[in-house]
C-alpha cells in the first residue's frame, strides 16, 4: 500500500465496546478523503472457512450461511482492501477493527491463516498477529481503549433482550474482550521502552497514538482535532455532527453486519462532550451490576472487569495526553 503524500493508511485497533463506532462515525464524515472499512477482518474471523473464532460453535446453525461470508478468508479480505485502495487511490485508507480479529485466540505467533501462508517466510521474525509483517508495517496504527468497568457491562447488554434478538448471541466469551490482544499488538508494534505518545504535532511512526475513550467523551473536539493533527487529516468541527440522511444510510450499510452492537452509534447524530462517568467503589459497581443484571451476571462481569484491568491500566499509561497538546 502506497503511503504517498497522504500519509500511511490508518488502522484503528480497539477492544470490544470502546466507543469505537462513535469514533468511527466521526471519520465517516470525511469519506470525501477517506476510504472507510469497518471491521473487515471480523468476516473471516467469525464466518470464514479458516475457523479462527470458536463463536461458530455456539451460534445458530444457519447464522454463518446467512451472513453470506462463509467463503471469506483473510487473504480475500486483504485483497478486497488492496483493490479498494487502488480504485479509490485519491482517498486514504481508514480501517477500524477489533484486536482479537487479528490476534489468534491462542496468542501463538505460529498460528497463521492458511490463505496467507504464502506471505510468511520460514525465517521471518515472530509475529503475534494473523497478518504478514510487511502489511502491518504499511499502516499508521491508532489505539482506542475504555475503562473495562464501562466496556464490559456495555458488552454484556448485547447478549440480553432486546439486543440479543439482533446479535443472535447469548454468551459473553472472555476471549472476546480484546484488552490482552490489544496489549500484545501494542507491545509488538512499539517494543521500545521509550514509547510514550508523542507530544509533537505531526506524524511520528515511532511513537504510538493511543486514545482513551474517557478523553474522547469528555472533549471530543480537542481529542479528534489532536489526533487529526498527528495523522494529517484536516479537522473540521463538522466532523462531530452527522445529521444527514446520506451519512446515516452509509453508516447503516457499514454496520448492519453486526446488528445489535451498534445501535447507540447508529441512532446518534453528533458527538458532544458527555458528563464524566461517576466514579464508584468496587462495591458500588458490584451493587449496580447486581441491580441491573442479577447476582450471577454481576459476578461474571466483575471477574471479566478484573481480568481486563491490568492490561487497560498498562495501555492507559501510554495514552495521548490531550490536555497537554495545546
C-alpha atoms as a PDB file:
ATOM      1  CA  UNK A   1       0.000   0.000   0.000  1.00  0.00           C
ATOM      2  CA  UNK A   2       1.437   3.272  -1.107  1.00  0.00           C
ATOM      3  CA  UNK A   3       1.553   5.875   1.635  1.00  0.00           C
ATOM      4  CA  UNK A   4       2.176   8.635  -0.951  1.00  0.00           C
ATOM      5  CA  UNK A   5       1.820  12.223   0.174  1.00  0.00           C
ATOM      6  CA  UNK A   6      -1.394  11.471   2.069  1.00  0.00           C
ATOM      7  CA  UNK A   7       0.417   9.562   4.789  1.00  0.00           C
ATOM      8  CA  UNK A   8       0.187   5.902   5.660  1.00  0.00           C
ATOM      9  CA  UNK A   9      -3.177   4.146   5.678  1.00  0.00           C
ATOM     10  CA  UNK A  10      -4.759   4.406   9.119  1.00  0.00           C
ATOM     11  CA  UNK A  11      -5.632   1.317  11.133  1.00  0.00           C
ATOM     12  CA  UNK A  12      -7.648   1.943  14.301  1.00  0.00           C
ATOM     13  CA  UNK A  13      -7.455  -1.079  16.605  1.00  0.00           C
ATOM     14  CA  UNK A  14      -9.548  -1.414  19.718  1.00  0.00           C
ATOM     15  CA  UNK A  15     -11.263  -3.826  22.086  1.00  0.00           C
ATOM     16  CA  UNK A  16     -14.980  -4.513  22.414  1.00  0.00           C
ATOM     17  CA  UNK A  17     -17.303  -1.650  23.438  1.00  0.00           C
ATOM     18  CA  UNK A  18     -14.707   1.109  23.471  1.00  0.00           C
ATOM     19  CA  UNK A  19     -16.940   3.789  21.864  1.00  0.00           C
ATOM     20  CA  UNK A  20     -15.123   2.958  18.656  1.00  0.00           C
ATOM     21  CA  UNK A  21     -18.242   3.073  16.492  1.00  0.00           C
ATOM     22  CA  UNK A  22     -18.968   6.646  17.573  1.00  0.00           C
ATOM     23  CA  UNK A  23     -15.297   7.384  16.935  1.00  0.00           C
ATOM     24  CA  UNK A  24     -15.653   5.806  13.509  1.00  0.00           C
ATOM     25  CA  UNK A  25     -18.737   7.861  12.700  1.00  0.00           C
ATOM     26  CA  UNK A  26     -16.619  10.982  13.097  1.00  0.00           C
ATOM     27  CA  UNK A  27     -14.313   9.843  10.311  1.00  0.00           C
ATOM     28  CA  UNK A  28     -17.150   8.597   8.129  1.00  0.00           C
ATOM     29  CA  UNK A  29     -17.983  12.287   7.668  1.00  0.00           C
ATOM     30  CA  UNK A  30     -14.652  12.577   5.794  1.00  0.00           C
ATOM     31  CA  UNK A  31     -15.340   9.872   3.253  1.00  0.00           C
ATOM     32  CA  UNK A  32     -14.534  12.504   0.644  1.00  0.00           C
ATOM     33  CA  UNK A  33     -10.879  11.864   1.536  1.00  0.00           C
ATOM     34  CA  UNK A  34     -11.073   8.535   3.409  1.00  0.00           C
ATOM     35  CA  UNK A  35     -11.955   5.036   2.210  1.00  0.00           C
ATOM     36  CA  UNK A  36     -13.669   3.501   5.252  1.00  0.00           C
ATOM     37  CA  UNK A  37     -13.521  -0.204   6.156  1.00  0.00           C
ATOM     38  CA  UNK A  38     -15.477  -1.338   9.207  1.00  0.00           C
ATOM     39  CA  UNK A  39     -14.072  -4.416  10.982  1.00  0.00           C
ATOM     40  CA  UNK A  40     -13.190  -6.227   7.751  1.00  0.00           C
ATOM     41  CA  UNK A  41     -11.173  -8.964   9.458  1.00  0.00           C
ATOM     42  CA  UNK A  42     -14.159  -9.890  11.600  1.00  0.00           C
ATOM     43  CA  UNK A  43     -15.650 -11.528   8.493  1.00  0.00           C
ATOM     44  CA  UNK A  44     -13.036 -14.289   8.112  1.00  0.00           C
ATOM     45  CA  UNK A  45     -12.574 -14.458  11.885  1.00  0.00           C
ATOM     46  CA  UNK A  46     -16.219 -15.308  12.572  1.00  0.00           C
ATOM     47  CA  UNK A  47     -17.642 -16.634   9.329  1.00  0.00           C
ATOM     48  CA  UNK A  48     -14.805 -17.880   7.139  1.00  0.00           C
ATOM     49  CA  UNK A  49     -13.562 -21.416   6.449  1.00  0.00           C
ATOM     50  CA  UNK A  50     -10.318 -20.850   8.378  1.00  0.00           C
ATOM     51  CA  UNK A  51     -12.258 -21.221  11.657  1.00  0.00           C
ATOM     52  CA  UNK A  52     -10.215 -18.786  13.750  1.00  0.00           C
ATOM     53  CA  UNK A  53     -13.073 -17.948  16.124  1.00  0.00           C
ATOM     54  CA  UNK A  54     -14.809 -20.539  18.308  1.00  0.00           C
ATOM     55  CA  UNK A  55     -18.029 -18.488  18.141  1.00  0.00           C
ATOM     56  CA  UNK A  56     -19.471 -20.645  15.366  1.00  0.00           C
ATOM     57  CA  UNK A  57     -19.765 -23.489  17.865  1.00  0.00           C
ATOM     58  CA  UNK A  58     -22.356 -21.553  19.885  1.00  0.00           C
ATOM     59  CA  UNK A  59     -24.211 -19.752  17.092  1.00  0.00           C
ATOM     60  CA  UNK A  60     -27.445 -20.878  15.420  1.00  0.00           C
ATOM     61  CA  UNK A  61     -26.581 -23.409  12.745  1.00  0.00           C
ATOM     62  CA  UNK A  62     -27.559 -21.155   9.858  1.00  0.00           C
ATOM     63  CA  UNK A  63     -26.041 -17.882  11.086  1.00  0.00           C
ATOM     64  CA  UNK A  64     -22.809 -18.308   9.133  1.00  0.00           C
ATOM     65  CA  UNK A  65     -24.701 -19.283   5.995  1.00  0.00           C
ATOM     66  CA  UNK A  66     -26.999 -16.272   6.285  1.00  0.00           C
ATOM     67  CA  UNK A  67     -24.011 -13.963   6.633  1.00  0.00           C
ATOM     68  CA  UNK A  68     -23.103 -14.603   3.006  1.00  0.00           C
ATOM     69  CA  UNK A  69     -19.464 -14.643   4.085  1.00  0.00           C
ATOM     70  CA  UNK A  70     -18.778 -18.296   4.747  1.00  0.00           C
ATOM     71  CA  UNK A  71     -16.197 -18.195   1.934  1.00  0.00           C
ATOM     72  CA  UNK A  72     -14.335 -15.151   3.303  1.00  0.00           C
ATOM     73  CA  UNK A  73     -10.689 -15.864   4.027  1.00  0.00           C
ATOM     74  CA  UNK A  74      -8.122 -13.462   5.423  1.00  0.00           C
ATOM     75  CA  UNK A  75      -6.467 -13.330   2.024  1.00  0.00           C
ATOM     76  CA  UNK A  76      -9.746 -12.471   0.290  1.00  0.00           C
ATOM     77  CA  UNK A  77     -10.418  -9.633   2.722  1.00  0.00           C
ATOM     78  CA  UNK A  78      -6.889  -8.327   2.369  1.00  0.00           C
ATOM     79  CA  UNK A  79      -7.147  -8.389  -1.405  1.00  0.00           C
ATOM     80  CA  UNK A  80     -10.523  -6.605  -1.263  1.00  0.00           C
ATOM     81  CA  UNK A  81      -8.959  -3.860   0.852  1.00  0.00           C
ATOM     82  CA  UNK A  82      -6.000  -3.504  -1.513  1.00  0.00           C
ATOM     83  CA  UNK A  83      -8.307  -3.434  -4.544  1.00  0.00           C
ATOM     84  CA  UNK A  84     -10.473  -0.740  -2.981  1.00  0.00           C
ATOM     85  CA  UNK A  85      -7.352   1.266  -2.146  1.00  0.00           C
ATOM     86  CA  UNK A  86      -6.333   1.096  -5.796  1.00  0.00           C
ATOM     87  CA  UNK A  87      -9.785   2.029  -7.071  1.00  0.00           C
ATOM     88  CA  UNK A  88     -10.056   4.935  -4.629  1.00  0.00           C
ATOM     89  CA  UNK A  89      -6.416   5.930  -4.910  1.00  0.00           C
ATOM     90  CA  UNK A  90      -7.315   9.570  -4.265  1.00  0.00           C
ATOM     91  CA  UNK A  91      -8.526   8.587  -0.796  1.00  0.00           C
ATOM     92  CA  UNK A  92      -6.614   7.473   2.263  1.00  0.00           C
ATOM     93  CA  UNK A  93      -7.424   4.040   3.618  1.00  0.00           C
ATOM     94  CA  UNK A  94      -9.084   4.037   7.064  1.00  0.00           C
ATOM     95  CA  UNK A  95      -9.698   0.705   8.807  1.00  0.00           C
ATOM     96  CA  UNK A  96     -11.274   0.129  12.207  1.00  0.00           C
ATOM     97  CA  UNK A  97     -11.109  -3.359  13.641  1.00  0.00           C
ATOM     98  CA  UNK A  98     -11.062  -5.341  16.885  1.00  0.00           C
ATOM     99  CA  UNK A  99      -7.758  -6.598  18.272  1.00  0.00           C
ATOM    100  CA  UNK A 100      -8.756 -10.246  18.550  1.00  0.00           C
ATOM    101  CA  UNK A 101      -9.771 -10.336  14.891  1.00  0.00           C
ATOM    102  CA  UNK A 102      -6.073 -10.184  14.001  1.00  0.00           C
ATOM    103  CA  UNK A 103      -4.517 -11.914  17.041  1.00  0.00           C
ATOM    104  CA  UNK A 104      -5.256 -15.667  17.333  1.00  0.00           C
ATOM    105  CA  UNK A 105      -7.102 -16.790  20.496  1.00  0.00           C
ATOM    106  CA  UNK A 106      -4.095 -18.928  21.476  1.00  0.00           C
ATOM    107  CA  UNK A 107      -1.792 -15.868  21.263  1.00  0.00           C
ATOM    108  CA  UNK A 108       0.690 -18.104  19.455  1.00  0.00           C
ATOM    109  CA  UNK A 109       2.933 -16.478  16.827  1.00  0.00           C
ATOM    110  CA  UNK A 110       2.845 -19.761  14.920  1.00  0.00           C
ATOM    111  CA  UNK A 111      -0.866 -19.556  14.056  1.00  0.00           C
ATOM    112  CA  UNK A 112      -1.373 -18.194  10.555  1.00  0.00           C
ATOM    113  CA  UNK A 113      -4.457 -18.279   8.321  1.00  0.00           C
ATOM    114  CA  UNK A 114      -3.952 -20.921   5.618  1.00  0.00           C
ATOM    115  CA  UNK A 115      -4.893 -18.415   2.936  1.00  0.00           C
ATOM    116  CA  UNK A 116      -1.986 -16.140   3.947  1.00  0.00           C
ATOM    117  CA  UNK A 117       0.684 -18.789   4.424  1.00  0.00           C
ATOM    118  CA  UNK A 118       2.461 -17.805   1.214  1.00  0.00           C
ATOM    119  CA  UNK A 119       3.151 -14.361   2.671  1.00  0.00           C
ATOM    120  CA  UNK A 120       5.138 -15.767   5.600  1.00  0.00           C
ATOM    121  CA  UNK A 121       8.727 -16.960   5.163  1.00  0.00           C
ATOM    122  CA  UNK A 122      10.432 -19.644   7.270  1.00  0.00           C
ATOM    123  CA  UNK A 123      12.956 -17.119   8.554  1.00  0.00           C
ATOM    124  CA  UNK A 124      10.506 -14.338   9.371  1.00  0.00           C
ATOM    125  CA  UNK A 125      10.809 -12.980  12.923  1.00  0.00           C
ATOM    126  CA  UNK A 126       7.976 -13.926  15.315  1.00  0.00           C
ATOM    127  CA  UNK A 127       4.787 -12.038  14.564  1.00  0.00           C
ATOM    128  CA  UNK A 128       1.881 -12.487  17.023  1.00  0.00           C
ATOM    129  CA  UNK A 129      -0.742 -11.353  14.516  1.00  0.00           C
ATOM    130  CA  UNK A 130      -2.523 -13.147  11.713  1.00  0.00           C
ATOM    131  CA  UNK A 131      -1.282 -10.599   9.169  1.00  0.00           C
ATOM    132  CA  UNK A 132       2.040 -10.521   7.284  1.00  0.00           C
ATOM    133  CA  UNK A 133       4.685  -8.246   8.758  1.00  0.00           C
ATOM    134  CA  UNK A 134       5.039  -6.079   5.604  1.00  0.00           C
ATOM    135  CA  UNK A 135       1.296  -5.403   5.692  1.00  0.00           C
ATOM    136  CA  UNK A 136       1.456  -4.351   9.350  1.00  0.00           C
ATOM    137  CA  UNK A 137       4.391  -2.063   8.576  1.00  0.00           C
ATOM    138  CA  UNK A 138       2.357  -0.241   5.936  1.00  0.00           C
ATOM    139  CA  UNK A 139      -0.159   1.164   8.453  1.00  0.00           C
ATOM    140  CA  UNK A 140      -0.220   4.047  10.891  1.00  0.00           C
ATOM    141  CA  UNK A 141      -1.832   2.473  13.938  1.00  0.00           C
ATOM    142  CA  UNK A 142      -4.193   4.239  16.322  1.00  0.00           C
ATOM    143  CA  UNK A 143      -5.361   2.533  19.522  1.00  0.00           C
ATOM    144  CA  UNK A 144      -8.603   3.222  21.346  1.00  0.00           C
ATOM    145  CA  UNK A 145      -9.268   1.963  24.890  1.00  0.00           C
ATOM    146  CA  UNK A 146     -12.001   2.306  27.504  1.00  0.00           C
ATOM    147  CA  UNK A 147     -12.202   1.509  31.194  1.00  0.00           C
ATOM    148  CA  UNK A 148     -13.408  -2.112  31.485  1.00  0.00           C
ATOM    149  CA  UNK A 149     -15.838  -1.072  34.230  1.00  0.00           C
ATOM    150  CA  UNK A 150     -17.725   0.719  31.453  1.00  0.00           C
ATOM    151  CA  UNK A 151     -16.916  -1.523  28.486  1.00  0.00           C
ATOM    152  CA  UNK A 152     -17.690  -4.966  29.922  1.00  0.00           C
ATOM    153  CA  UNK A 153     -21.232  -4.169  31.201  1.00  0.00           C
ATOM    154  CA  UNK A 154     -21.908  -2.491  27.863  1.00  0.00           C
ATOM    155  CA  UNK A 155     -20.885  -5.681  26.078  1.00  0.00           C
ATOM    156  CA  UNK A 156     -22.981  -7.782  28.445  1.00  0.00           C
ATOM    157  CA  UNK A 157     -26.102  -5.857  27.361  1.00  0.00           C
ATOM    158  CA  UNK A 158     -25.620  -7.115  23.815  1.00  0.00           C
ATOM    159  CA  UNK A 159     -26.272 -10.664  24.984  1.00  0.00           C
ATOM    160  CA  UNK A 160     -29.553  -9.806  26.717  1.00  0.00           C
ATOM    161  CA  UNK A 161     -33.015  -8.950  25.325  1.00  0.00           C
ATOM    162  CA  UNK A 162     -33.838  -6.883  23.402  1.00  0.00           C
ATOM    163  CA  UNK A 163     -30.384  -6.623  21.765  1.00  0.00           C
ATOM    164  CA  UNK A 164     -29.786 -10.379  21.766  1.00  0.00           C
ATOM    165  CA  UNK A 165     -32.648 -10.758  19.296  1.00  0.00           C
ATOM    166  CA  UNK A 166     -30.448  -8.882  16.830  1.00  0.00           C
ATOM    167  CA  UNK A 167     -26.997 -10.140  17.836  1.00  0.00           C
ATOM    168  CA  UNK A 168     -28.225 -13.757  18.000  1.00  0.00           C
ATOM    169  CA  UNK A 169     -25.639 -14.327  20.689  1.00  0.00           C
ATOM    170  CA  UNK A 170     -26.276 -15.146  24.326  1.00  0.00           C
ATOM    171  CA  UNK A 171     -22.857 -15.960  25.740  1.00  0.00           C
ATOM    172  CA  UNK A 172     -20.238 -13.459  26.868  1.00  0.00           C
ATOM    173  CA  UNK A 173     -16.998 -15.109  25.783  1.00  0.00           C
ATOM    174  CA  UNK A 174     -13.957 -13.978  27.840  1.00  0.00           C
ATOM    175  CA  UNK A 175     -11.850 -14.417  24.705  1.00  0.00           C
ATOM    176  CA  UNK A 176     -13.743 -11.574  23.048  1.00  0.00           C
ATOM    177  CA  UNK A 177     -12.972  -8.649  25.329  1.00  0.00           C
ATOM    178  CA  UNK A 178      -9.791  -7.778  23.431  1.00  0.00           C
ATOM    179  CA  UNK A 179      -7.679  -5.998  26.071  1.00  0.00           C
ATOM    180  CA  UNK A 180      -4.937  -8.632  26.181  1.00  0.00           C
ATOM    181  CA  UNK A 181      -4.796  -8.853  22.390  1.00  0.00           C
ATOM    182  CA  UNK A 182      -4.584  -5.077  22.165  1.00  0.00           C
ATOM    183  CA  UNK A 183      -1.650  -5.068  24.565  1.00  0.00           C
ATOM    184  CA  UNK A 184       0.095  -7.850  22.625  1.00  0.00           C
ATOM    185  CA  UNK A 185      -0.238  -5.867  19.395  1.00  0.00           C
ATOM    186  CA  UNK A 186       0.799  -2.627  21.060  1.00  0.00           C
ATOM    187  CA  UNK A 187       3.975  -4.124  22.527  1.00  0.00           C
ATOM    188  CA  UNK A 188       4.813  -5.868  19.264  1.00  0.00           C
ATOM    189  CA  UNK A 189       4.498  -2.692  17.214  1.00  0.00           C
ATOM    190  CA  UNK A 190       6.217  -0.497  19.811  1.00  0.00           C
ATOM    191  CA  UNK A 191       8.795  -2.634  21.640  1.00  0.00           C
ATOM    192  CA  UNK A 192      10.932   0.271  22.800  1.00  0.00           C
ATOM    193  CA  UNK A 193      10.793   1.431  26.397  1.00  0.00           C
ATOM    194  CA  UNK A 194      10.504   4.964  25.041  1.00  0.00           C
ATOM    195  CA  UNK A 195       7.022   4.650  23.573  1.00  0.00           C
ATOM    196  CA  UNK A 196       5.062   7.338  25.334  1.00  0.00           C
ATOM    197  CA  UNK A 197       2.648   9.007  22.945  1.00  0.00           C
ATOM    198  CA  UNK A 198       4.354  11.820  21.116  1.00  0.00           C
ATOM    199  CA  UNK A 199       3.536  15.380  22.120  1.00  0.00           C
ATOM    200  CA  UNK A 200       4.665  16.793  18.793  1.00  0.00           C
ATOM    201  CA  UNK A 201       2.039  17.578  16.216  1.00  0.00           C
ATOM    202  CA  UNK A 202       2.617  15.662  13.014  1.00  0.00           C
ATOM    203  CA  UNK A 203       3.170  12.071  12.047  1.00  0.00           C
ATOM    204  CA  UNK A 204       5.750  10.186  14.097  1.00  0.00           C
ATOM    205  CA  UNK A 205       5.588   6.477  13.340  1.00  0.00           C
ATOM    206  CA  UNK A 206       7.975   5.514  16.120  1.00  0.00           C
ATOM    207  CA  UNK A 207       5.511   6.757  18.737  1.00  0.00           C
ATOM    208  CA  UNK A 208       2.100   5.212  19.392  1.00  0.00           C
ATOM    209  CA  UNK A 209      -1.177   7.069  19.162  1.00  0.00           C
ATOM    210  CA  UNK A 210      -3.446   5.770  21.895  1.00  0.00           C
ATOM    211  CA  UNK A 211      -6.739   7.421  22.835  1.00  0.00           C
ATOM    212  CA  UNK A 212      -8.728   6.760  25.996  1.00  0.00           C
ATOM    213  CA  UNK A 213     -12.485   6.908  25.404  1.00  0.00           C
ATOM    214  CA  UNK A 214     -12.779   8.893  28.613  1.00  0.00           C
ATOM    215  CA  UNK A 215     -10.836  11.737  26.966  1.00  0.00           C
ATOM    216  CA  UNK A 216     -12.813  11.332  23.741  1.00  0.00           C
ATOM    217  CA  UNK A 217     -16.153  11.660  25.541  1.00  0.00           C
ATOM    218  CA  UNK A 218     -15.013  14.483  27.810  1.00  0.00           C
ATOM    219  CA  UNK A 219     -13.686  16.650  24.985  1.00  0.00           C
ATOM    220  CA  UNK A 220     -14.498  15.261  21.529  1.00  0.00           C
ATOM    221  CA  UNK A 221     -13.409  18.336  19.617  1.00  0.00           C
ATOM    222  CA  UNK A 222      -9.970  18.607  21.194  1.00  0.00           C
ATOM    223  CA  UNK A 223      -9.394  14.850  21.098  1.00  0.00           C
ATOM    224  CA  UNK A 224     -10.321  14.455  17.439  1.00  0.00           C
ATOM    225  CA  UNK A 225      -8.515  17.613  16.327  1.00  0.00           C
ATOM    226  CA  UNK A 226      -5.383  16.487  18.183  1.00  0.00           C
ATOM    227  CA  UNK A 227      -5.495  13.078  16.536  1.00  0.00           C
ATOM    228  CA  UNK A 228      -6.147  14.634  13.130  1.00  0.00           C
ATOM    229  CA  UNK A 229      -3.067  16.804  13.532  1.00  0.00           C
ATOM    230  CA  UNK A 230      -0.974  13.739  14.303  1.00  0.00           C
ATOM    231  CA  UNK A 231      -2.189  11.698  11.334  1.00  0.00           C
ATOM    232  CA  UNK A 232      -2.511  14.635   8.936  1.00  0.00           C
ATOM    233  CA  UNK A 233      -6.256  14.634   8.344  1.00  0.00           C
ATOM    234  CA  UNK A 234      -7.768  18.114   8.016  1.00  0.00           C
ATOM    235  CA  UNK A 235     -10.017  18.679  11.007  1.00  0.00           C
ATOM    236  CA  UNK A 236     -13.346  20.454  10.889  1.00  0.00           C
ATOM    237  CA  UNK A 237     -15.905  20.848  13.705  1.00  0.00           C
ATOM    238  CA  UNK A 238     -18.483  19.483  11.254  1.00  0.00           C
ATOM    239  CA  UNK A 239     -16.848  16.068  11.688  1.00  0.00           C
ATOM    240  CA  UNK A 240     -18.577  15.871  15.072  1.00  0.00           C
ATOM    241  CA  UNK A 241     -22.075  16.027  13.540  1.00  0.00           C
ATOM    242  CA  UNK A 242     -23.787  13.694  11.084  1.00  0.00           C
ATOM    243  CA  UNK A 243     -27.447  14.749  10.852  1.00  0.00           C
ATOM    244  CA  UNK A 244     -27.894  13.993   7.154  1.00  0.00           C
ATOM    245  CA  UNK A 245     -29.723  11.002   5.704  1.00  0.00           C
ATOM    246  CA  UNK A 246     -26.761  10.198   3.456  1.00  0.00           C
ATOM    247  CA  UNK A 247     -24.453   9.858   6.466  1.00  0.00           C
ATOM    248  CA  UNK A 248     -26.978   7.647   8.230  1.00  0.00           C
ATOM    249  CA  UNK A 249     -27.519   5.390   5.212  1.00  0.00           C
ATOM    250  CA  UNK A 250     -23.786   4.931   4.733  1.00  0.00           C
ATOM    251  CA  UNK A 251     -23.280   4.072   8.412  1.00  0.00           C
ATOM    252  CA  UNK A 252     -26.232   1.677   8.439  1.00  0.00           C
ATOM    253  CA  UNK A 253     -24.878  -0.223   5.429  1.00  0.00           C
ATOM    254  CA  UNK A 254     -21.459  -0.373   7.055  1.00  0.00           C
ATOM    255  CA  UNK A 255     -22.618  -1.542  10.485  1.00  0.00           C
ATOM    256  CA  UNK A 256     -25.541  -3.828   9.650  1.00  0.00           C
ATOM    257  CA  UNK A 257     -23.359  -6.948   9.534  1.00  0.00           C
ATOM    258  CA  UNK A 258     -23.105  -6.731  13.343  1.00  0.00           C
ATOM    259  CA  UNK A 259     -26.727  -5.884  14.094  1.00  0.00           C
ATOM    260  CA  UNK A 260     -27.406  -5.121  17.733  1.00  0.00           C
ATOM    261  CA  UNK A 261     -23.902  -3.990  18.587  1.00  0.00           C
ATOM    262  CA  UNK A 262     -24.013  -0.502  17.117  1.00  0.00           C
ATOM    263  CA  UNK A 263     -27.493   0.747  17.989  1.00  0.00           C
ATOM    264  CA  UNK A 264     -26.403   3.784  20.009  1.00  0.00           C
ATOM    265  CA  UNK A 265     -23.966   4.988  17.361  1.00  0.00           C
ATOM    266  CA  UNK A 266     -26.450   4.357  14.563  1.00  0.00           C
ATOM    267  CA  UNK A 267     -29.139   6.371  16.329  1.00  0.00           C
ATOM    268  CA  UNK A 268     -26.812   9.266  17.093  1.00  0.00           C
ATOM    269  CA  UNK A 269     -26.414  12.463  15.095  1.00  0.00           C
ATOM    270  CA  UNK A 270     -23.423  14.014  16.856  1.00  0.00           C
ATOM    271  CA  UNK A 271     -20.563  13.545  19.297  1.00  0.00           C
ATOM    272  CA  UNK A 272     -20.616  16.145  22.055  1.00  0.00           C
ATOM    273  CA  UNK A 273     -18.997  16.370  25.492  1.00  0.00           C
ATOM    274  CA  UNK A 274     -20.557  13.963  27.955  1.00  0.00           C
ATOM    275  CA  UNK A 275     -20.731  14.217  31.719  1.00  0.00           C
ATOM    276  CA  UNK A 276     -17.930  12.255  33.391  1.00  0.00           C
ATOM    277  CA  UNK A 277     -18.852   8.710  34.348  1.00  0.00           C
ATOM    278  CA  UNK A 278     -19.480   8.573  38.106  1.00  0.00           C
ATOM    279  CA  UNK A 279     -16.557   7.075  39.998  1.00  0.00           C
ATOM    280  CA  UNK A 280     -17.783   4.204  42.127  1.00  0.00           C
ATOM    281  CA  UNK A 281     -16.065   1.931  44.560  1.00  0.00           C
ATOM    282  CA  UNK A 282     -15.722  -1.729  43.662  1.00  0.00           C
ATOM    283  CA  UNK A 283     -18.607  -2.431  45.998  1.00  0.00           C
ATOM    284  CA  UNK A 284     -20.671   0.289  44.352  1.00  0.00           C
ATOM    285  CA  UNK A 285     -20.051  -1.161  40.894  1.00  0.00           C
ATOM    286  CA  UNK A 286     -20.970  -4.652  42.050  1.00  0.00           C
ATOM    287  CA  UNK A 287     -24.207  -3.356  43.578  1.00  0.00           C
ATOM    288  CA  UNK A 288     -25.127  -1.529  40.368  1.00  0.00           C
ATOM    289  CA  UNK A 289     -24.446  -4.583  38.204  1.00  0.00           C
ATOM    290  CA  UNK A 290     -26.381  -6.812  40.593  1.00  0.00           C
ATOM    291  CA  UNK A 291     -29.352  -4.470  40.405  1.00  0.00           C
ATOM    292  CA  UNK A 292     -29.199  -4.244  36.605  1.00  0.00           C
ATOM    293  CA  UNK A 293     -28.293  -7.806  35.666  1.00  0.00           C
ATOM    294  CA  UNK A 294     -28.747 -10.107  38.679  1.00  0.00           C
ATOM    295  CA  UNK A 295     -26.350 -11.881  41.041  1.00  0.00           C
ATOM    296  CA  UNK A 296     -24.721 -14.362  38.661  1.00  0.00           C
ATOM    297  CA  UNK A 297     -24.257 -11.874  35.842  1.00  0.00           C
ATOM    298  CA  UNK A 298     -22.772  -9.323  38.249  1.00  0.00           C
ATOM    299  CA  UNK A 299     -20.211 -11.893  39.399  1.00  0.00           C
ATOM    300  CA  UNK A 300     -19.367 -12.747  35.789  1.00  0.00           C
ATOM    301  CA  UNK A 301     -18.956  -9.067  34.922  1.00  0.00           C
ATOM    302  CA  UNK A 302     -16.733  -8.480  37.949  1.00  0.00           C
ATOM    303  CA  UNK A 303     -14.491 -11.407  37.011  1.00  0.00           C
ATOM    304  CA  UNK A 304     -14.193 -10.060  33.463  1.00  0.00           C
ATOM    305  CA  UNK A 305     -13.514  -6.474  34.554  1.00  0.00           C
ATOM    306  CA  UNK A 306     -10.801  -7.589  36.969  1.00  0.00           C
ATOM    307  CA  UNK A 307      -9.228  -9.776  34.276  1.00  0.00           C
ATOM    308  CA  UNK A 308      -9.034  -6.803  31.877  1.00  0.00           C
ATOM    309  CA  UNK A 309      -7.975  -4.197  34.430  1.00  0.00           C
ATOM    310  CA  UNK A 310      -4.210  -4.709  34.344  1.00  0.00           C
ATOM    311  CA  UNK A 311      -3.986  -4.557  30.554  1.00  0.00           C
ATOM    312  CA  UNK A 312      -6.164  -1.453  30.457  1.00  0.00           C
ATOM    313  CA  UNK A 313      -4.109   0.382  33.072  1.00  0.00           C
ATOM    314  CA  UNK A 314      -0.905  -0.586  31.288  1.00  0.00           C
ATOM    315  CA  UNK A 315      -2.137   0.742  27.960  1.00  0.00           C
ATOM    316  CA  UNK A 316      -3.609   3.844  29.550  1.00  0.00           C
ATOM    317  CA  UNK A 317      -0.125   4.784  30.693  1.00  0.00           C
ATOM    318  CA  UNK A 318       0.724   5.432  27.041  1.00  0.00           C
ATOM    319  CA  UNK A 319      -2.371   7.405  26.114  1.00  0.00           C
ATOM    320  CA  UNK A 320      -2.161  10.672  24.254  1.00  0.00           C
ATOM    321  CA  UNK A 321      -2.383  13.400  26.880  1.00  0.00           C
ATOM    322  CA  UNK A 322      -4.977  15.558  25.186  1.00  0.00           C
ATOM    323  CA  UNK A 323      -4.787  18.441  27.660  1.00  0.00           C
ATOM    324  CA  UNK A 324      -1.025  18.684  27.154  1.00  0.00           C
ATOM    325  CA  UNK A 325      -1.206  19.195  23.399  1.00  0.00           C
ATOM    326  CA  UNK A 326      -2.005  22.922  23.291  1.00  0.00           C
END
